[in-house]
Protein backbone atom coordinates (compact mmCIF):
# COMPACT_ATOMS: atom_id res chain seq x y z
CA MET A 1 107.20 74.32 70.42
CA TYR A 2 110.52 72.84 70.05
CA ILE A 3 113.22 72.75 67.76
CA ILE A 4 116.82 70.81 68.62
CA LYS A 5 118.98 72.05 64.96
CA PRO A 6 121.97 73.22 64.83
CA VAL A 7 122.54 76.96 64.42
CA ALA A 8 123.72 76.83 61.01
CA GLU A 9 121.08 74.61 60.26
CA ILE A 10 117.95 76.64 61.93
CA GLU A 11 115.60 78.35 59.00
CA LEU A 12 114.28 81.87 59.41
CA GLU A 13 110.65 80.66 58.90
CA GLU A 14 111.46 78.17 61.94
CA TRP A 15 112.99 80.90 64.09
CA ASN A 16 110.04 83.10 63.93
CA ARG A 17 107.22 80.83 64.14
CA LEU A 18 109.07 79.27 67.47
CA MET A 19 109.83 82.84 68.78
CA SER A 20 106.04 83.50 67.95
CA ILE A 21 104.53 80.47 69.74
CA ASN A 22 107.47 80.79 72.92
CA VAL A 23 107.97 84.12 73.51
CA THR A 24 105.19 86.07 71.75
CA GLY A 25 102.76 83.90 73.33
CA VAL A 26 103.81 84.70 76.58
CA PHE A 27 103.99 88.07 76.22
CA LEU A 28 100.60 88.30 74.74
CA GLY A 29 99.27 86.43 78.18
CA MET A 30 100.88 88.74 80.68
CA LYS A 31 99.75 91.99 77.88
CA HIS A 32 96.26 90.55 78.60
CA ILE A 33 95.52 89.46 81.71
CA MET A 34 98.14 91.16 84.05
CA PRO A 35 96.47 94.73 83.55
CA LEU A 36 93.03 92.82 85.56
CA MET A 37 94.97 91.39 87.99
CA ALA A 38 96.25 94.92 88.81
CA LYS A 39 92.50 96.30 89.03
CA GLN A 40 92.14 93.70 91.83
CA ASN A 41 95.19 94.22 93.31
CA LYS A 42 96.15 90.76 93.23
CA GLY A 43 97.31 88.02 91.13
CA SER A 44 99.82 85.61 90.04
CA VAL A 45 101.28 84.97 86.69
CA ILE A 46 104.01 81.52 85.96
CA ASN A 47 105.39 81.82 82.69
CA ALA A 48 106.55 78.07 81.78
CA SER A 49 110.41 78.74 80.81
CA SER A 50 113.27 75.98 80.68
CA ILE A 51 116.50 75.34 82.22
CA ALA A 52 117.56 75.12 78.16
CA GLY A 53 117.12 79.51 79.21
CA LEU A 54 119.02 78.75 81.85
CA ILE A 55 122.15 76.64 80.79
CA GLY A 56 122.87 76.17 76.58
CA ASP A 57 123.27 72.29 75.30
CA PRO A 58 124.14 71.50 71.96
CA GLY A 59 121.53 72.08 68.86
CA HIS A 60 119.19 74.50 71.53
CA VAL A 61 120.22 77.38 70.43
CA LEU A 62 116.77 78.29 68.88
CA TYR A 63 114.58 76.88 71.64
CA GLY A 64 117.15 78.20 74.07
CA ALA A 65 116.78 81.63 72.73
CA SER A 66 113.66 81.24 73.19
CA LYS A 67 113.36 80.31 77.07
CA GLY A 68 116.03 82.82 77.68
CA ALA A 69 113.65 85.76 76.80
CA VAL A 70 110.75 83.93 78.53
CA ARG A 71 112.94 84.09 81.84
CA THR A 72 113.81 87.60 81.53
CA MET A 73 110.22 88.77 80.53
CA THR A 74 109.55 87.35 83.76
CA LYS A 75 111.80 89.48 85.77
CA ASP A 76 111.13 92.21 84.21
CA ALA A 77 107.05 92.11 84.29
CA ALA A 78 107.77 90.79 87.85
CA ILE A 79 109.43 94.48 88.85
CA GLU A 80 106.70 96.65 86.65
CA TYR A 81 103.64 94.82 88.57
CA ALA A 82 105.10 94.31 92.12
CA SER A 83 103.87 97.69 93.43
CA LYS A 84 100.44 96.10 91.94
CA GLY A 85 99.77 92.94 93.80
CA VAL A 86 100.70 91.17 91.15
CA ARG A 87 103.21 88.31 90.91
CA VAL A 88 105.04 87.12 88.21
CA ASN A 89 107.04 83.50 88.53
CA SER A 90 108.81 81.00 86.42
CA ILE A 91 109.08 77.41 86.46
CA HIS A 92 112.36 76.13 84.67
CA PRO A 93 111.87 72.58 84.04
CA GLY A 94 114.66 70.11 83.05
CA TYR A 95 114.27 66.28 81.44
CA ILE A 96 110.04 65.50 81.68
CA ASP A 97 108.65 62.61 80.66
CA THR A 98 106.45 64.13 77.86
CA GLY A 99 106.42 64.22 74.28
CA MET A 100 108.70 66.82 74.30
CA ALA A 101 111.20 63.91 75.71
CA ASP A 102 110.59 61.82 73.08
CA TYR A 103 111.29 64.18 70.48
CA ALA A 104 114.61 64.88 72.05
CA SER A 105 115.11 61.38 71.66
CA GLU A 106 114.71 60.95 68.26
CA GLN A 107 116.46 63.79 67.39
CA THR A 108 119.88 63.43 69.20
CA GLY A 109 119.45 59.63 68.64
CA SER A 110 119.88 58.50 72.42
CA SER A 111 117.33 56.64 74.61
CA LYS A 112 115.13 58.75 76.75
CA ASP A 113 116.98 56.83 80.12
CA GLU A 114 120.33 58.55 78.83
CA TRP A 115 118.19 61.63 78.39
CA GLY A 116 116.44 61.06 82.00
CA LYS A 117 119.72 60.44 83.89
CA GLU A 118 120.14 63.48 86.48
CA PRO A 119 121.35 63.15 89.73
CA VAL A 120 118.53 61.82 91.59
CA GLY A 121 118.36 58.89 88.89
CA THR A 122 115.05 59.54 87.21
CA SER A 123 113.33 61.88 84.62
CA GLY A 124 110.87 64.44 85.73
CA GLN A 125 106.66 63.48 85.71
CA ARG A 126 104.68 66.04 84.15
CA GLN A 127 102.83 66.56 88.26
CA SER A 128 106.10 68.01 89.02
CA CYS A 129 105.66 71.27 87.66
CA GLY A 130 102.04 71.66 88.16
CA GLU A 131 102.86 70.91 92.26
CA TYR A 132 105.26 73.60 92.22
CA SER A 133 102.89 76.12 90.10
CA ALA A 134 99.82 75.10 92.62
CA ILE A 135 102.62 76.46 94.96
CA ILE A 136 103.69 79.46 93.75
CA ALA A 137 100.15 80.09 92.80
CA SER A 138 99.05 80.37 96.52
CA ASP A 139 98.79 82.88 99.18
CA GLU A 140 101.50 81.09 100.87
CA SER A 141 104.23 82.05 98.31
CA SER A 142 102.56 85.72 98.22
CA TYR A 143 106.10 87.16 98.96
CA THR A 144 107.55 85.31 96.17
CA THR A 145 107.54 87.31 92.15
CA GLY A 146 110.69 87.72 90.14
CA THR A 147 112.01 83.99 90.92
CA GLU A 148 113.40 81.29 89.00
CA PHE A 149 111.83 77.55 89.98
CA VAL A 150 113.91 74.81 88.62
CA ILE A 151 112.81 71.07 88.63
CA ASP A 152 115.16 69.51 87.06
CA GLY A 153 116.45 66.66 89.37
CA GLY A 154 119.55 68.38 89.92
CA ALA A 155 120.67 68.88 86.51
CA THR A 156 121.68 72.45 86.80
CA ALA A 157 123.34 71.65 90.14
CA ARG A 158 126.28 70.19 88.00
């Protein structure tokens, strides 16, 4: 879930709903799948965070807080389950051309072209996140846990 609003305009109900989806949903997924993976001494969890969990942006207090929580939960779970054969990593997409991007453009009054002007010159595509996730989940990444994979066309390098 994605809400862009100045902090003073965020209603508690909005805060609770977004945190329930973005944070509690990730927590519940890990809570129920990781013990099963640990029994097999093998598994890979990939949590969806965002560059909003890494950097600040006006109007993103609510969304950024939720994605920052996912970032930290991922690292904590990675350490907790590392000796049990379960790897836990996170992906941090930047501006990806999706419905969320349409919403961001609408809320900010800027065009998708303005939002998508990352250093590489284009916005990201959905398949980028899927491709990274496939690599992270594979046995070729067996030594990777607690890592943040940033998929942002260079946005956080500025």
